[in-house]
Amino acid sequence: MTRLPVVSGQAAVKAFAKLGYTLDRQSGSHMILRQGRAPHRRLTVPNHKTLAKGTLRALIRQAGLTVSEFTDLL
């Protein structure tokens, strides 16, 4: 199992942008990313200095990635 990197919310958004996610809107400290048009996917990324491990792991899973694929995007 690959170790989970320590990243900020902004760094995670930049990594997900490489997959085609764009910033849809921001509600408080949470950035809502959107991918695609009709059957779109959404990710809610907290705009924090460091993301909690469980939160980051859940975001990676929701995006359909493995941890090693995500670290390659960073």
Protein backbone atom coordinates (compact mmCIF):
# COMPACT_ATOMS: atom_id res chain seq x y z
CA MET A 1 0.00 0.00 0.00
CA THR A 2 1.37 3.39 -1.01
CA ARG A 3 1.78 6.00 1.68
CA LEU A 4 -0.69 8.86 1.55
CA PRO A 5 1.00 12.23 0.88
CA VAL A 6 0.38 15.28 3.06
CA VAL A 7 -1.15 17.93 0.79
CA SER A 8 -3.11 21.14 1.11
CA GLY A 9 -6.54 21.72 -0.35
CA GLN A 10 -5.09 23.92 -3.09
CA ALA A 11 -2.55 21.24 -4.08
CA ALA A 12 -5.31 18.65 -4.27
CA VAL A 13 -7.39 20.94 -6.50
CA LYS A 14 -4.42 21.38 -8.85
CA ALA A 15 -3.95 17.61 -9.03
CA PHE A 16 -7.64 16.99 -9.73
CA ALA A 17 -7.56 19.75 -12.38
CA LYS A 18 -5.19 17.55 -14.38
CA LEU A 19 -8.03 15.02 -14.60
CA GLY A 20 -10.47 17.60 -15.95
CA TYR A 21 -12.06 18.81 -12.71
CA THR A 22 -12.83 22.53 -12.65
CA LEU A 23 -13.87 24.80 -9.81
CA ASP A 24 -17.65 25.00 -9.96
CA ARG A 25 -18.16 27.20 -6.90
CA GLN A 26 -16.94 27.80 -3.39
CA SER A 27 -19.07 27.69 -0.28
CA GLY A 28 -17.17 29.04 2.70
CA SER A 29 -13.94 27.09 2.99
CA HIS A 30 -15.09 24.25 0.73
CA MET A 31 -14.32 24.21 -2.99
CA ILE A 32 -16.74 22.25 -5.13
CA LEU A 33 -15.09 20.75 -8.20
CA ARG A 34 -16.99 19.44 -11.20
CA GLN A 35 -15.99 17.10 -14.00
CA GLY A 36 -17.89 16.59 -17.21
CA ARG A 37 -21.22 17.81 -18.45
CA ALA A 38 -24.32 15.60 -18.19
CA PRO A 39 -23.27 12.66 -15.96
CA HIS A 40 -20.92 14.88 -14.00
CA ARG A 41 -18.90 14.03 -10.93
CA ARG A 42 -18.47 16.37 -8.01
CA LEU A 43 -15.78 16.59 -5.36
CA THR A 44 -15.92 18.81 -2.29
CA VAL A 45 -12.40 19.77 -1.23
CA PRO A 46 -11.82 21.71 2.00
CA ASN A 47 -9.54 24.71 1.53
CA HIS A 48 -7.23 23.82 4.45
CA LYS A 49 -3.46 23.95 4.84
CA THR A 50 -3.32 20.18 5.26
CA LEU A 51 -6.10 17.73 4.44
CA ALA A 52 -6.93 15.01 6.93
CA LYS A 53 -5.84 11.55 5.81
CA GLY A 54 -9.36 10.13 5.77
CA THR A 55 -10.70 13.10 3.82
CA LEU A 56 -7.94 12.86 1.22
CA ARG A 57 -8.40 9.10 0.89
CA ALA A 58 -12.15 9.57 0.38
CA LEU A 59 -11.56 12.24 -2.29
CA ILE A 60 -9.13 9.97 -4.12
CA ARG A 61 -11.65 7.11 -4.00
CA GLN A 62 -14.49 9.35 -5.24
CA ALA A 63 -12.34 10.44 -8.19
CA GLY A 64 -11.79 6.78 -9.09
CA LEU A 65 -8.03 6.85 -8.49
CA THR A 66 -5.53 4.89 -6.47
CA VAL A 67 -3.14 6.59 -4.07
CA SER A 68 -0.18 5.99 -6.39
CA GLU A 69 -2.07 7.50 -9.35
CA PHE A 70 -2.88 10.56 -7.25
CA THR A 71 0.72 11.03 -6.14
CA ASP A 72 1.79 10.91 -9.80
CA LEU A 73 -0.53 13.88 -10.45
CA LEU A 74 1.10 16.01 -7.73
